[in-house]
Amino acid sequence: MISKQLLKGTLKTIILKLLEEQGRMYGYQITQEVKALSAGQLELTEAALYPTLHKLESDGLLTTEKEKVNGRTRKYYALTLTGKKERANRLSEFDEFVRVMNLILKPKAT
């Protein structure tokens, strides 16, 4: 299982990437997609997810839309144009981070 600290540092990037791929999603759907894509290695809690979604929304990276489904209101999240640019920046930054971590953790034998 992945530590909560590692997840916390990448949660915004994960959310932005999923919304780029899916177009729009609601909170529970995001938690289930992360669980499925990670083969159960990552499990998002509501306590971690919703404050992050609200922060991304307040930063202008997400828009929301409420919709009634089976008598219940769902709040769907989608990327803004700024959110799409931020997603690209975060993915590039994350790729560079992984590259540098591999240099540190897996040094070449000399």
Protein backbone atom coordinates (compact mmCIF):
# COMPACT_ATOMS: atom_id res chain seq x y z
CA MET A 1 0.00 0.00 0.00
CA ILE A 2 1.24 3.50 -0.86
CA SER A 3 1.74 5.90 2.06
CA LYS A 4 -0.74 8.71 2.61
CA GLN A 5 2.10 11.25 2.41
CA LEU A 6 3.12 10.13 -1.08
CA LEU A 7 -0.51 10.15 -2.19
CA LYS A 8 -1.09 13.60 -0.73
CA GLY A 9 1.79 15.00 -2.76
CA THR A 10 0.39 13.66 -6.03
CA LEU A 11 -3.37 13.88 -5.51
CA LYS A 12 -3.89 17.08 -7.49
CA THR A 13 -1.93 15.62 -10.40
CA ILE A 14 -3.97 12.40 -10.29
CA ILE A 15 -7.27 14.29 -10.27
CA LEU A 16 -6.26 16.60 -13.12
CA LYS A 17 -5.10 13.64 -15.21
CA LEU A 18 -8.31 11.66 -14.65
CA LEU A 19 -10.49 14.64 -15.52
CA GLU A 20 -8.49 15.24 -18.68
CA GLU A 21 -9.14 11.64 -19.74
CA GLN A 22 -12.76 11.35 -18.61
CA GLY A 23 -14.04 14.86 -19.34
CA ARG A 24 -16.04 15.11 -16.12
CA MET A 25 -16.41 12.98 -13.02
CA TYR A 26 -18.05 13.05 -9.61
CA GLY A 27 -16.19 12.38 -6.38
CA TYR A 28 -17.07 8.74 -5.77
CA GLN A 29 -16.32 7.98 -9.42
CA ILE A 30 -12.84 9.45 -8.98
CA THR A 31 -12.18 7.28 -5.91
CA GLN A 32 -13.27 4.15 -7.75
CA GLU A 33 -11.25 4.94 -10.86
CA VAL A 34 -8.09 5.51 -8.82
CA LYS A 35 -8.65 2.24 -6.99
CA ALA A 36 -9.23 0.35 -10.25
CA LEU A 37 -6.29 1.89 -12.13
CA SER A 38 -3.93 1.21 -9.21
CA ALA A 39 -5.15 -2.38 -8.77
CA GLY A 40 -6.25 -1.46 -5.25
CA GLN A 41 -2.89 0.04 -4.24
CA LEU A 42 -4.32 3.56 -3.88
CA GLU A 43 -7.53 4.22 -2.02
CA LEU A 44 -8.72 7.81 -1.80
CA THR A 45 -10.73 8.82 1.24
CA GLU A 46 -13.39 11.50 1.14
CA ALA A 47 -11.33 13.40 3.71
CA ALA A 48 -8.47 13.64 1.21
CA LEU A 49 -10.45 13.97 -2.01
CA TYR A 50 -13.05 16.66 -1.36
CA PRO A 51 -10.76 19.32 0.14
CA THR A 52 -8.46 18.81 -2.85
CA LEU A 53 -11.34 19.13 -5.31
CA HIS A 54 -12.54 22.29 -3.55
CA LYS A 55 -9.01 23.76 -3.63
CA LEU A 56 -8.65 23.01 -7.35
CA GLU A 57 -12.04 24.64 -7.93
CA SER A 58 -11.16 27.75 -5.90
CA ASP A 59 -7.88 28.00 -7.85
CA GLY A 60 -9.89 28.16 -11.09
CA LEU A 61 -8.70 24.78 -12.36
CA LEU A 62 -12.09 23.03 -12.14
CA THR A 63 -15.69 23.88 -12.83
CA THR A 64 -18.63 22.12 -11.26
CA GLU A 65 -22.05 21.15 -12.46
CA LYS A 66 -24.82 19.60 -10.38
CA GLU A 67 -27.07 16.96 -11.88
CA LYS A 68 -29.93 14.87 -10.50
CA VAL A 69 -29.32 11.13 -10.87
CA ASN A 70 -31.89 8.69 -9.46
CA GLY A 71 -33.28 11.39 -7.18
CA ARG A 72 -29.84 12.33 -5.81
CA THR A 73 -27.77 15.35 -6.69
CA ARG A 74 -24.29 14.65 -8.01
CA LYS A 75 -21.62 17.28 -8.33
CA TYR A 76 -19.54 16.75 -11.45
CA TYR A 77 -16.08 18.24 -11.82
CA ALA A 78 -14.41 19.18 -15.11
CA LEU A 79 -11.22 20.97 -16.10
CA THR A 80 -11.16 24.61 -17.09
CA LEU A 81 -8.76 25.79 -19.78
CA THR A 82 -6.41 26.84 -16.98
CA GLY A 83 -6.84 23.38 -15.45
CA LYS A 84 -5.79 21.74 -18.71
CA LYS A 85 -2.62 23.84 -18.81
CA GLU A 86 -1.91 23.06 -15.16
CA ARG A 87 -2.40 19.33 -15.83
CA ALA A 88 0.26 19.44 -18.52
CA ASN A 89 2.64 21.33 -16.22
CA ARG A 90 2.08 18.95 -13.30
CA LEU A 91 2.57 15.84 -15.44
CA SER A 92 5.78 17.22 -16.85
CA GLU A 93 6.98 18.11 -13.35
CA PHE A 94 6.05 14.67 -12.04
CA ASP A 95 7.86 12.91 -14.90
CA GLU A 96 10.98 14.93 -14.10
CA PHE A 97 10.63 14.11 -10.39
CA VAL A 98 10.44 10.36 -11.13
CA ARG A 99 13.47 10.63 -13.42
CA VAL A 100 15.51 12.37 -10.71
CA MET A 101 14.35 9.94 -8.00
CA ASN A 102 15.50 7.05 -10.20
CA LEU A 103 18.92 8.68 -10.49
CA ILE A 104 19.13 8.85 -6.71
CA LEU A 105 17.59 5.51 -5.81
CA LYS A 106 19.01 3.41 -8.63
CA PRO A 107 22.50 4.73 -9.29
CA LYS A 108 24.45 3.07 -12.05
CA ALA A 109 27.22 0.75 -11.01
CA THR A 110 30.67 2.15 -11.66
